[in-house]
N, C-alpha and C. Protein backbone atom coordinates (compact mmCIF):
# COMPACT_ATOMS: atom_id res chain seq x y z
N MET A 1 46.05 -62.15 -79.08
CA MET A 1 44.82 -60.25 -78.07
C MET A 1 44.05 -60.90 -77.91
N THR A 2 43.42 -60.86 -76.53
CA THR A 2 41.42 -60.86 -76.25
C THR A 2 40.96 -60.68 -76.34
N ALA A 3 39.86 -60.76 -77.18
CA ALA A 3 38.80 -59.05 -77.60
C ALA A 3 38.70 -58.40 -76.93
N MET A 4 39.28 -58.41 -74.90
CA MET A 4 38.64 -57.47 -74.33
C MET A 4 39.92 -56.71 -74.37
N SER A 5 40.80 -56.98 -74.93
CA SER A 5 42.18 -55.60 -75.31
C SER A 5 42.26 -55.02 -76.75
N ARG A 6 41.16 -55.81 -77.62
CA ARG A 6 41.19 -55.54 -79.00
C ARG A 6 39.71 -53.97 -78.70
N ARG A 7 38.52 -54.10 -77.51
CA ARG A 7 37.99 -53.26 -77.07
C ARG A 7 39.10 -51.68 -76.67
N VAL A 8 39.82 -52.61 -75.17
CA VAL A 8 39.65 -51.41 -74.91
C VAL A 8 41.48 -49.93 -74.72
N LEU A 9 42.37 -51.14 -75.67
CA LEU A 9 42.76 -50.83 -77.27
C LEU A 9 41.35 -49.53 -78.09
N GLY A 10 40.90 -49.85 -79.17
CA GLY A 10 39.75 -49.60 -79.59
C GLY A 10 39.71 -47.92 -79.11
N ILE A 11 38.85 -48.43 -77.65
CA ILE A 11 38.61 -47.44 -76.48
C ILE A 11 39.15 -45.96 -76.90
N MET A 12 40.37 -46.97 -76.40
CA MET A 12 41.39 -45.47 -75.89
C MET A 12 42.07 -45.17 -77.90
N GLY A 13 41.88 -45.43 -78.95
CA GLY A 13 41.95 -44.82 -79.78
C GLY A 13 41.17 -44.24 -80.25
N LEU A 14 39.74 -44.21 -79.60
CA LEU A 14 38.58 -43.23 -79.68
C LEU A 14 38.90 -42.32 -79.05
N ILE A 15 39.26 -42.78 -77.75
CA ILE A 15 39.55 -41.27 -76.93
C ILE A 15 40.84 -40.57 -77.74
N GLY A 16 41.37 -40.65 -77.68
CA GLY A 16 43.28 -40.27 -78.30
C GLY A 16 42.35 -39.48 -79.75
N LEU A 17 40.94 -39.10 -80.82
CA LEU A 17 41.19 -38.84 -81.55
C LEU A 17 39.34 -38.24 -80.94
N PHE A 18 39.15 -37.73 -80.69
CA PHE A 18 37.93 -37.18 -80.06
C PHE A 18 38.77 -36.19 -79.15
N ALA A 19 39.93 -37.05 -79.09
CA ALA A 19 40.35 -34.89 -78.01
C ALA A 19 41.28 -34.22 -79.14
N LEU A 20 41.58 -35.14 -79.52
CA LEU A 20 42.45 -34.51 -81.42
C LEU A 20 40.85 -33.47 -81.76
N ALA A 21 40.31 -34.11 -82.75
CA ALA A 21 38.99 -33.31 -82.76
C ALA A 21 39.52 -32.34 -81.87
N ALA A 22 38.75 -31.64 -80.92
CA ALA A 22 38.82 -30.88 -79.61
C ALA A 22 40.30 -29.75 -79.89
N CYS A 23 41.37 -30.32 -80.67
CA CYS A 23 41.09 -29.45 -80.87
C CYS A 23 41.79 -27.80 -81.62
N ASN A 24 42.24 -26.33 -81.24
CA ASN A 24 41.55 -25.33 -82.26
C ASN A 24 42.69 -25.14 -83.09
N LEU A 25 43.70 -26.20 -84.11
CA LEU A 25 44.62 -26.08 -85.15
C LEU A 25 45.23 -25.02 -84.57
N GLY A 26 44.64 -23.31 -85.71
CA GLY A 26 45.22 -22.77 -85.70
C GLY A 26 45.51 -22.23 -84.63
N ASP A 27 45.15 -22.11 -83.89
CA ASP A 27 45.95 -21.29 -82.08
C ASP A 27 47.55 -22.72 -82.20
N LEU A 28 47.50 -23.35 -82.81
CA LEU A 28 48.90 -23.87 -82.57
C LEU A 28 49.93 -23.30 -83.02
N GLN A 29 50.82 -22.95 -82.50
CA GLN A 29 52.42 -22.36 -82.37
C GLN A 29 53.34 -23.36 -83.24
N ALA A 30 54.24 -22.82 -83.74
CA ALA A 30 55.57 -23.61 -84.74
C ALA A 30 56.83 -23.71 -83.31
N PRO A 31 56.27 -25.69 -83.55
CA PRO A 31 57.09 -26.14 -82.48
C PRO A 31 58.36 -25.49 -81.15
N GLY A 32 58.39 -25.35 -80.68
CA GLY A 32 58.80 -25.09 -78.75
C GLY A 32 59.21 -24.29 -78.80
N LEU A 33 58.61 -23.09 -79.48
CA LEU A 33 58.82 -21.14 -79.38
C LEU A 33 57.25 -21.25 -77.76
N ALA A 34 57.81 -21.05 -76.77
CA ALA A 34 56.87 -20.37 -75.84
C ALA A 34 56.04 -19.42 -76.14
N ARG A 35 55.31 -19.11 -75.31
CA ARG A 35 53.96 -18.24 -76.12
C ARG A 35 54.75 -16.61 -75.51
N ASP A 36 54.86 -16.82 -74.73
CA ASP A 36 55.38 -15.31 -73.87
C ASP A 36 56.04 -14.64 -75.53
N LYS A 37 57.34 -15.70 -75.57
CA LYS A 37 57.60 -15.64 -76.50
C LYS A 37 57.13 -14.30 -77.91
N ASP A 38 56.12 -15.79 -79.09
CA ASP A 38 55.27 -14.62 -79.17
C ASP A 38 54.29 -13.52 -79.30
N GLU A 39 54.23 -13.65 -77.63
CA GLU A 39 53.38 -12.63 -77.45
C GLU A 39 53.98 -11.02 -77.71
N ALA A 40 56.00 -11.19 -77.54
CA ALA A 40 56.60 -9.98 -77.29
C ALA A 40 56.48 -9.69 -78.52
N ALA A 41 56.43 -10.64 -79.56
CA ALA A 41 56.84 -10.30 -81.15
C ALA A 41 55.54 -9.99 -81.35
N ARG A 42 54.79 -10.35 -81.20
CA ARG A 42 53.78 -9.43 -82.42
C ARG A 42 53.18 -8.25 -80.90
N ALA A 43 53.64 -7.39 -80.42
CA ALA A 43 53.30 -6.69 -79.62
C ALA A 43 54.23 -5.57 -79.27
N VAL A 44 54.90 -6.24 -80.29
CA VAL A 44 55.94 -5.74 -81.59
C VAL A 44 55.61 -5.68 -82.09
N PHE A 45 54.85 -5.60 -83.47
CA PHE A 45 53.78 -5.74 -84.50
C PHE A 45 53.14 -4.37 -83.89
N LYS A 46 52.45 -4.86 -83.14
CA LYS A 46 50.97 -3.95 -82.62
C LYS A 46 51.28 -2.29 -82.10
N ALA A 47 52.75 -2.20 -81.56
CA ALA A 47 53.40 -1.07 -81.63
C ALA A 47 53.94 -0.66 -82.65
N MET A 48 54.30 -1.17 -84.33
CA MET A 48 54.42 -0.71 -85.04
C MET A 48 53.33 0.19 -85.77
N GLN A 49 52.19 -1.66 -85.51
CA GLN A 49 51.07 -0.81 -86.48
C GLN A 49 50.73 0.65 -85.98
N LYS A 50 50.47 0.96 -84.60
CA LYS A 50 49.70 1.91 -84.27
C LYS A 50 50.54 3.53 -84.08
N GLY A 51 52.29 3.20 -84.08
CA GLY A 51 53.10 4.65 -84.34
C GLY A 51 53.52 4.46 -83.84
N ASP A 52 53.79 4.30 -82.58
CA ASP A 52 53.94 4.15 -80.67
C ASP A 52 55.64 3.39 -81.06
N LEU A 53 56.67 3.54 -80.60
CA LEU A 53 57.24 3.00 -80.05
C LEU A 53 57.13 3.71 -78.85
N SER A 54 57.21 4.39 -78.30
CA SER A 54 57.42 4.58 -76.71
C SER A 54 57.21 3.16 -75.23
N GLY A 55 56.32 2.59 -75.80
CA GLY A 55 55.97 1.59 -74.90
C GLY A 55 57.23 -0.15 -75.73
N VAL A 56 58.31 0.28 -76.31
CA VAL A 56 58.50 -1.53 -76.25
C VAL A 56 60.70 -0.80 -76.74
N PRO A 57 60.69 -1.91 -76.03
CA PRO A 57 62.30 -1.47 -75.38
C PRO A 57 63.17 -1.33 -76.74
N LEU A 58 64.38 -0.41 -76.71
CA LEU A 58 64.71 -0.66 -78.53
C LEU A 58 66.27 -0.57 -77.70
N GLY A 59 66.52 -1.11 -78.57
CA GLY A 59 68.30 -2.18 -79.09
C GLY A 59 68.53 -0.60 -79.19
N PRO A 60 70.31 -0.25 -79.07
CA PRO A 60 71.11 0.63 -80.14
C PRO A 60 70.83 -0.19 -81.69
N GLU A 61 70.78 -0.64 -81.80
CA GLU A 61 70.50 -1.08 -83.10
C GLU A 61 69.68 -0.04 -83.63
N MET A 62 68.85 -0.22 -82.79
CA MET A 62 67.26 0.83 -83.43
C MET A 62 67.26 2.37 -82.69
N LEU A 63 68.96 2.82 -82.74
CA LEU A 63 68.76 4.09 -81.83
C LEU A 63 68.82 4.96 -82.88
N THR A 64 69.96 4.27 -84.26
CA THR A 64 70.88 5.24 -85.46
C THR A 64 70.28 6.29 -85.21
N PRO A 65 70.95 6.51 -86.28
CA PRO A 65 70.44 8.17 -86.95
C PRO A 65 69.74 7.45 -88.15
N GLU A 66 70.05 6.29 -88.63
CA GLU A 66 69.87 6.10 -89.96
C GLU A 66 68.79 4.81 -89.52
N ALA A 67 68.18 4.85 -88.16
CA ALA A 67 66.68 3.82 -88.32
C ALA A 67 65.46 4.35 -87.37
N GLN A 68 66.46 5.84 -86.62
CA GLN A 68 65.32 6.79 -86.32
C GLN A 68 64.47 7.65 -87.49
N ALA A 69 64.87 7.30 -88.77
CA ALA A 69 64.25 7.99 -90.02
C ALA A 69 64.09 7.26 -90.55
N ALA A 70 64.58 5.98 -89.89
CA ALA A 70 63.40 4.67 -90.98
C ALA A 70 62.05 4.19 -90.60
N ILE A 71 61.92 4.52 -89.19
CA ILE A 71 60.21 3.97 -88.89
C ILE A 71 59.83 4.82 -88.85
N PRO A 72 59.29 6.28 -89.50
CA PRO A 72 58.07 6.51 -89.47
C PRO A 72 57.75 5.89 -91.41
N ASN A 73 58.42 5.13 -92.02
CA ASN A 73 58.11 5.13 -92.82
C ASN A 73 57.43 3.73 -93.15
N ILE A 74 58.00 3.20 -91.75
CA ILE A 74 57.93 1.64 -91.27
C ILE A 74 56.46 2.16 -90.73
N PHE A 75 55.64 2.95 -90.17
CA PHE A 75 53.98 3.05 -89.77
C PHE A 75 53.63 2.89 -90.51
N ALA A 76 53.94 4.29 -91.49
CA ALA A 76 53.63 4.29 -92.76
C ALA A 76 53.28 3.29 -93.79
N SER A 77 53.84 2.86 -93.10
CA SER A 77 53.12 1.61 -94.55
C SER A 77 52.83 -0.06 -94.41
N ILE A 78 52.77 -0.05 -93.13
CA ILE A 78 51.49 -1.66 -92.61
C ILE A 78 50.54 -1.29 -92.51
N PRO A 79 49.59 -1.79 -92.90
CA PRO A 79 48.70 -1.52 -93.31
C PRO A 79 47.50 -1.55 -91.62
N LYS A 80 46.67 -0.41 -91.75
CA LYS A 80 45.45 -1.60 -90.05
C LYS A 80 44.83 -1.63 -89.97
N GLY A 81 44.44 -1.38 -88.91
CA GLY A 81 43.39 -2.50 -88.71
C GLY A 81 43.96 -3.60 -87.90
N GLU A 82 43.06 -4.77 -87.23
CA GLU A 82 42.39 -5.64 -86.30
C GLU A 82 43.78 -6.94 -87.90
N PRO A 83 44.36 -7.43 -87.66
CA PRO A 83 44.73 -8.26 -89.26
C PRO A 83 43.68 -9.90 -89.22
N THR A 84 43.27 -10.50 -90.18
CA THR A 84 42.10 -11.22 -90.38
C THR A 84 42.69 -13.10 -89.19
N LYS A 85 43.80 -12.66 -90.25
CA LYS A 85 45.10 -13.86 -88.85
C LYS A 85 46.14 -14.12 -89.09
N VAL A 86 47.15 -14.16 -88.17
CA VAL A 86 47.80 -13.89 -87.73
C VAL A 86 48.62 -15.43 -87.49
N LYS A 87 49.89 -16.57 -88.16
CA LYS A 87 50.31 -17.06 -88.79
C LYS A 87 51.66 -17.56 -88.31
N LEU A 88 52.35 -17.80 -87.70
CA LEU A 88 53.93 -18.17 -87.36
C LEU A 88 55.09 -18.93 -88.10
N LEU A 89 55.45 -18.16 -88.60
CA LEU A 89 56.01 -19.22 -90.56
C LEU A 89 57.25 -20.21 -89.48
N ASN A 90 58.30 -19.19 -88.87
CA ASN A 90 59.27 -19.87 -88.28
C ASN A 90 59.72 -19.12 -86.86
N TRP A 91 60.23 -19.13 -86.55
CA TRP A 91 61.91 -18.70 -85.49
C TRP A 91 63.01 -19.36 -85.24
N HIS A 92 64.19 -18.09 -84.52
CA HIS A 92 64.99 -19.08 -84.03
C HIS A 92 65.93 -18.52 -83.24
N SER A 93 65.72 -18.92 -82.12
CA SER A 93 65.95 -18.16 -80.72
C SER A 93 68.15 -19.12 -80.79
N ASN A 94 68.88 -18.05 -79.87
CA ASN A 94 70.13 -18.53 -79.33
C ASN A 94 70.03 -17.69 -78.34
N TRP A 95 71.41 -18.15 -77.50
CA TRP A 95 71.79 -17.72 -76.50
C TRP A 95 73.09 -17.74 -75.98
N SER A 96 73.95 -17.17 -75.47
CA SER A 96 75.38 -16.82 -74.95
C SER A 96 75.37 -16.91 -73.69
N ALA A 97 76.30 -17.39 -72.68
CA ALA A 97 76.67 -17.15 -71.22
C ALA A 97 77.56 -16.53 -71.42
N LEU A 98 77.58 -15.79 -70.18
CA LEU A 98 79.37 -15.24 -69.37
C LEU A 98 78.71 -14.47 -69.05
N THR A 99 80.42 -14.98 -68.06
CA THR A 99 80.14 -14.75 -66.18
C THR A 99 79.05 -15.15 -65.84
N GLY A 100 78.84 -15.95 -66.27
CA GLY A 100 76.78 -16.08 -65.06
C GLY A 100 75.80 -15.24 -66.04
N ALA A 101 75.65 -14.53 -66.89
CA ALA A 101 74.99 -14.19 -66.71
C ALA A 101 74.21 -14.45 -68.43
N ARG A 102 73.15 -14.44 -69.73
CA ARG A 102 73.34 -15.06 -69.84
C ARG A 102 72.17 -13.67 -71.28
N THR A 103 72.43 -14.35 -72.61
CA THR A 103 71.84 -13.01 -73.94
C THR A 103 71.38 -14.32 -74.19
N GLU A 104 70.28 -13.49 -74.73
CA GLU A 104 68.88 -14.34 -75.71
C GLU A 104 68.61 -13.67 -77.04
N ASP A 105 68.54 -13.84 -77.82
CA ASP A 105 68.51 -13.21 -78.95
C ASP A 105 66.98 -14.35 -79.52
N LEU A 106 65.98 -13.77 -80.34
CA LEU A 106 65.31 -13.64 -80.98
C LEU A 106 64.22 -13.43 -82.19
N GLU A 107 64.47 -14.07 -82.81
CA GLU A 107 64.35 -13.99 -84.55
C GLU A 107 62.63 -14.63 -84.63
N THR A 108 61.59 -13.88 -85.06
CA THR A 108 60.28 -14.82 -85.22
C THR A 108 59.93 -14.51 -86.96
N ASN A 109 59.31 -14.50 -87.39
CA ASN A 109 58.62 -15.00 -88.76
C ASN A 109 57.12 -14.71 -88.47
N HIS A 110 56.40 -13.64 -88.51
CA HIS A 110 54.90 -13.81 -88.79
C HIS A 110 54.47 -13.85 -90.02
N GLN A 111 53.58 -13.81 -90.58
CA GLN A 111 52.53 -13.29 -91.55
C GLN A 111 51.65 -12.90 -91.17
N TYR A 112 51.03 -11.89 -91.23
CA TYR A 112 49.60 -11.29 -90.71
C TYR A 112 48.86 -11.12 -92.04
N THR A 113 47.73 -11.35 -91.53
CA THR A 113 47.52 -10.88 -92.59
C THR A 113 45.35 -10.46 -92.71
N PHE A 114 45.52 -9.51 -93.96
CA PHE A 114 44.50 -8.24 -93.57
C PHE A 114 43.38 -8.23 -94.97
N PRO A 115 41.95 -8.20 -94.88
CA PRO A 115 41.63 -8.05 -96.26
C PRO A 115 41.96 -7.41 -97.00
N ASN A 116 43.30 -6.81 -97.40
CA ASN A 116 43.30 -6.85 -98.82
C ASN A 116 45.02 -6.25 -98.63
N ALA A 117 45.35 -7.33 -98.33
CA ALA A 117 46.79 -7.18 -97.99
C ALA A 117 47.66 -8.30 -96.76
N SER A 118 48.79 -9.44 -97.17
CA SER A 118 48.78 -10.46 -96.27
C SER A 118 50.83 -9.27 -95.95
N ILE A 119 51.62 -10.17 -94.97
CA ILE A 119 52.80 -9.65 -95.06
C ILE A 119 53.50 -10.40 -94.00
N ASP A 120 54.76 -10.08 -95.05
CA ASP A 120 56.32 -11.03 -93.33
C ASP A 120 56.06 -9.92 -92.98
N VAL A 121 57.08 -10.84 -91.26
CA VAL A 121 57.61 -10.26 -90.67
C VAL A 121 58.15 -10.41 -90.36
N THR A 122 59.63 -9.64 -89.27
CA THR A 122 60.57 -10.46 -89.01
C THR A 122 60.55 -9.22 -87.69
N THR A 123 61.23 -10.57 -85.88
CA THR A 123 61.38 -9.37 -85.50
C THR A 123 62.14 -9.78 -84.71
N VAL A 124 63.63 -9.08 -84.69
CA VAL A 124 64.39 -9.34 -84.00
C VAL A 124 64.12 -9.22 -83.08
N MET A 125 65.12 -9.71 -82.16
CA MET A 125 64.68 -9.48 -80.35
C MET A 125 66.21 -9.53 -79.71
N GLN A 126 66.31 -8.86 -78.05
CA GLN A 126 66.83 -9.45 -77.72
C GLN A 126 67.14 -8.83 -75.80
N ARG A 127 67.20 -10.37 -75.17
CA ARG A 127 67.43 -9.34 -73.71
C ARG A 127 67.99 -10.27 -73.31
N GLN A 128 68.84 -9.40 -71.31
CA GLN A 128 69.86 -9.90 -70.42
C GLN A 128 69.58 -11.38 -69.45
N ILE A 129 69.38 -12.60 -68.90
CA ILE A 129 69.18 -12.35 -67.50
C ILE A 129 69.73 -13.08 -66.51
N PRO A 130 69.56 -12.49 -65.84
CA PRO A 130 70.93 -12.22 -65.22
C PRO A 130 71.46 -14.12 -63.98
N ALA A 131 72.85 -14.06 -63.79
CA ALA A 131 72.64 -15.62 -63.47
C ALA A 131 71.73 -16.31 -62.21
N GLN A 132 70.96 -14.24 -61.38
CA GLN A 132 69.87 -15.61 -60.55
C GLN A 132 68.68 -14.27 -59.81
N GLY A 133 67.79 -14.27 -60.67
CA GLY A 133 66.94 -13.75 -60.88
C GLY A 133 66.12 -13.46 -62.10
N GLN A 134 65.29 -12.33 -62.59
CA GLN A 134 63.93 -12.52 -63.45
C GLN A 134 65.36 -11.95 -64.95
N PRO A 135 64.96 -13.03 -66.28
CA PRO A 135 65.20 -12.12 -67.56
C PRO A 135 64.70 -10.46 -67.71
N GLY A 136 65.18 -9.68 -67.73
CA GLY A 136 65.29 -8.62 -68.91
C GLY A 136 63.98 -8.12 -69.41
N PRO A 137 64.75 -6.96 -70.04
CA PRO A 137 62.71 -6.66 -71.00
C PRO A 137 63.61 -7.43 -72.10
N TRP A 138 63.20 -7.37 -73.20
CA TRP A 138 62.88 -7.77 -74.66
C TRP A 138 63.36 -6.00 -75.00
N LYS A 139 64.19 -5.91 -76.20
CA LYS A 139 65.14 -4.93 -77.60
C LYS A 139 64.72 -5.09 -77.94
N LEU A 140 64.06 -4.47 -78.63
CA LEU A 140 63.96 -4.91 -80.78
C LEU A 140 65.05 -4.39 -80.92
N ARG A 141 65.79 -5.10 -81.66
CA ARG A 141 66.79 -5.26 -82.44
C ARG A 141 66.64 -4.93 -83.92
N GLY A 142 65.86 -5.23 -84.73
CA GLY A 142 65.64 -4.98 -85.57
C GLY A 142 64.21 -5.67 -86.13
N PHE A 143 63.26 -5.26 -87.16
CA PHE A 143 61.90 -5.07 -87.96
C PHE A 143 62.83 -5.16 -89.19
N HIS A 144 61.58 -5.73 -90.03
CA HIS A 144 61.65 -5.78 -91.13
C HIS A 144 60.50 -6.75 -91.92
N PHE A 145 59.12 -6.27 -93.14
CA PHE A 145 58.75 -6.92 -93.47
C PHE A 145 58.26 -6.39 -95.14
N LYS A 146 57.74 -8.02 -95.55
CA LYS A 146 57.93 -7.00 -96.92
C LYS A 146 56.03 -7.66 -97.85
N PRO A 147 55.55 -7.15 -98.60
CA PRO A 147 54.15 -8.70 -98.86
C PRO A 147 54.29 -10.03 -99.36
N SER A 148 53.85 -10.65 -98.92
CA SER A 148 53.40 -12.20 -99.00
C SER A 148 53.76 -12.92 -99.63
N GLY A 149 54.95 -14.17 -100.43
CA GLY A 149 55.59 -13.82 -101.30
C GLY A 149 56.16 -13.21 -101.72
N SER A 150 56.54 -11.83 -102.24
CA SER A 150 57.55 -10.78 -102.70
C SER A 150 59.44 -11.76 -103.05
N ALA A 151 59.23 -11.40 -103.17
CA ALA A 151 60.86 -11.38 -103.86
C ALA A 151 61.78 -10.36 -102.71
N PRO A 152 62.62 -10.51 -101.56
CA PRO A 152 63.05 -10.03 -100.73
C PRO A 152 63.92 -8.99 -101.51
N ALA A 153 63.47 -7.66 -100.50
CA ALA A 153 63.93 -6.41 -102.20
C ALA A 153 65.43 -5.86 -102.27
N ALA A 154 65.46 -5.73 -103.53
CA ALA A 154 66.77 -5.55 -104.18
C ALA A 154 67.19 -4.81 -103.89
N PRO A 155 69.23 -5.52 -103.29
CA PRO A 155 70.02 -4.38 -103.06
C PRO A 155 69.78 -3.02 -104.04
N PRO A 156 70.26 -1.39 -103.78
CA PRO A 156 70.21 -0.32 -103.94
C PRO A 156 70.28 -0.36 -105.04
N ALA A 157 71.22 -0.85 -105.71
CA ALA A 157 71.75 0.12 -106.81
C ALA A 157 70.53 -0.13 -107.54
N LYS A 158 70.59 -2.01 -107.72
CA LYS A 158 69.16 -2.41 -108.66
C LYS A 158 67.94 -1.36 -108.32
N ALA A 159 67.72 -2.00 -107.23
CA ALA A 159 66.03 -0.65 -106.88
C ALA A 159 66.34 0.47 -107.55
N ALA A 160 67.59 1.30 -107.98
CA ALA A 160 67.29 2.51 -108.25
C ALA A 160 66.83 2.45 -109.42
N GLN A 161 67.38 1.66 -109.95
CA GLN A 161 67.45 1.26 -111.91
C GLN A 161 66.07 1.28 -112.29
N ALA A 162 65.62 0.32 -110.86
CA ALA A 162 63.70 -0.20 -111.24
C ALA A 162 62.08 1.26 -111.01
N GLU A 163 62.53 1.68 -112.14
CA GLU A 163 61.42 2.97 -111.88
C GLU A 163 60.43 2.70 -111.40
N ALA A 164 59.93 2.39 -111.00
CA ALA A 164 58.10 1.09 -110.78
C ALA A 164 58.81 1.93 -109.07
N ALA A 165 59.28 0.64 -108.68
CA ALA A 165 59.88 -0.17 -107.31
C ALA A 165 60.47 1.56 -106.45
N PRO A 166 59.19 1.18 -105.80
CA PRO A 166 60.32 2.23 -104.82
C PRO A 166 61.58 1.64 -103.62
N ALA A 167 62.28 2.66 -103.11
CA ALA A 167 63.31 2.17 -103.01
C ALA A 167 62.78 1.78 -101.48
N PRO A 168 63.88 0.59 -100.39
CA PRO A 168 62.85 0.60 -99.66
C PRO A 168 63.91 1.43 -98.41
N ALA A 169 62.32 1.50 -97.47
CA ALA A 169 64.62 2.50 -95.82
C ALA A 169 63.87 0.94 -95.01
N SER A 170 65.49 2.14 -94.22
CA SER A 170 65.41 0.63 -94.04
C SER A 170 67.09 1.11 -92.86
N ALA A 171 67.39 0.76 -92.06
CA ALA A 171 68.35 1.12 -90.98
C ALA A 171 69.17 0.14 -90.78
N PRO A 172 70.33 0.45 -90.93
CA PRO A 172 71.00 -1.07 -90.04
C PRO A 172 71.83 -1.57 -88.47
N THR A 173 71.79 -2.56 -89.10
CA THR A 173 71.41 -2.55 -87.44
C THR A 173 72.98 -2.44 -87.22
N THR A 174 74.63 -1.31 -86.99
CA THR A 174 75.51 -1.46 -87.51
C THR A 174 75.39 -0.77 -85.62
N PRO A 175 75.90 -1.07 -84.65
CA PRO A 175 76.28 -0.49 -83.20
C PRO A 175 76.44 0.60 -82.96
N PRO A 176 76.28 1.80 -82.36
CA PRO A 176 76.80 2.76 -82.12
C PRO A 176 78.22 1.58 -82.27
N ALA A 177 79.44 3.03 -81.79
CA ALA A 177 80.84 3.29 -82.08
C ALA A 177 80.91 2.64 -79.75
N GLY A 178 80.92 2.86 -79.41
CA GLY A 178 81.57 1.57 -78.38
C GLY A 178 80.93 -0.14 -78.03
N ALA A 179 79.58 0.06 -78.75
CA ALA A 179 78.71 -1.76 -78.18
C ALA A 179 79.37 -2.33 -79.25
N ALA A 180 78.63 -2.86 -78.29
CA ALA A 180 79.26 -4.46 -78.10
C ALA A 180 78.17 -4.95 -79.85
N ALA A 181 79.13 -5.59 -80.91
CA ALA A 181 78.84 -6.39 -82.64
C ALA A 181 77.28 -6.75 -82.22
N PRO A 182 76.09 -6.75 -82.98
CA PRO A 182 75.56 -7.50 -82.60
C PRO A 182 75.76 -9.23 -83.92
N PRO A 183 74.80 -9.97 -82.46
CA PRO A 183 74.81 -11.99 -83.42
C PRO A 183 74.88 -11.76 -84.79
N SER A 184 73.68 -11.62 -85.05
CA SER A 184 73.09 -11.53 -86.88
C SER A 184 72.51 -10.59 -87.27
N PRO A 185 72.93 -10.59 -89.02
CA PRO A 185 73.33 -9.57 -89.29
C PRO A 185 71.62 -8.90 -89.73
N THR A 186 70.02 -9.19 -88.82
CA THR A 186 69.80 -8.90 -90.21
C THR A 186 69.39 -7.37 -89.90
N PRO A 187 68.56 -7.47 -90.82
CA PRO A 187 68.82 -5.36 -91.40
C PRO A 187 66.79 -5.34 -90.91
N ALA A 188 66.59 -3.61 -90.07
CA ALA A 188 66.01 -3.02 -90.07
C ALA A 188 65.42 -2.17 -90.99
N ARG A 189 64.77 -3.36 -91.82
CA ARG A 189 64.21 -1.97 -92.66
C ARG A 189 62.86 -1.68 -93.23
N ALA A 190 62.04 -1.62 -93.82
CA ALA A 190 60.58 -2.08 -94.34
C ALA A 190 60.78 -2.08 -96.31
N THR A 191 60.12 -3.09 -95.59
CA THR A 191 59.60 -2.79 -97.71
C THR A 191 57.88 -2.62 -97.77
N PRO A 192 57.85 -0.92 -98.33
CA PRO A 192 56.81 -0.99 -98.51
C PRO A 192 56.13 -1.88 -99.17
N PRO A 193 54.75 -2.17 -98.91
CA PRO A 193 53.37 -2.50 -100.40
C PRO A 193 53.51 -2.52 -101.64
N ARG A 194 53.48 -2.66 -102.38
CA ARG A 194 52.61 -2.39 -103.86
C ARG A 194 51.74 -2.42 -103.91
């Protein structure tokens, strides 16, 4: 390798290093998740935090009497105010196609940090994508949160035995009669922070 080649490689390396240093690593998303999908999940959290789901299309799982009864408990349990940090922990997406149309399912897991609390939030959504045309709106199929770093909520029988533990509010994701079964068994429930 000639001296000129080493200089060119060195300069290119420095340019790459400066470009990497200029990145705001806090703005990076989990690999592969499109920003619009992340924003859709964050919008659901904001709506839950405000106590108003009127602008959020709901899937059939969220329209059951059990889910509708649990939603006010979720509203009351979510910390208020702007989070100091939001981190996308992970996500999962899958789709199925029938007769040219496609159904896309999305599950995201975010960590919202507030001055006095930190919570992990799972949002489950679904949308229809026609064979030709624009995708339909995301419909909320499930929502769950818990204090960060805590174990999942105990089953109802064990929760009833624990004196100090509040019983979790839950909204089952079983669809109404005649509706198609959901592809994933993620419940829509809230475990209030302790």
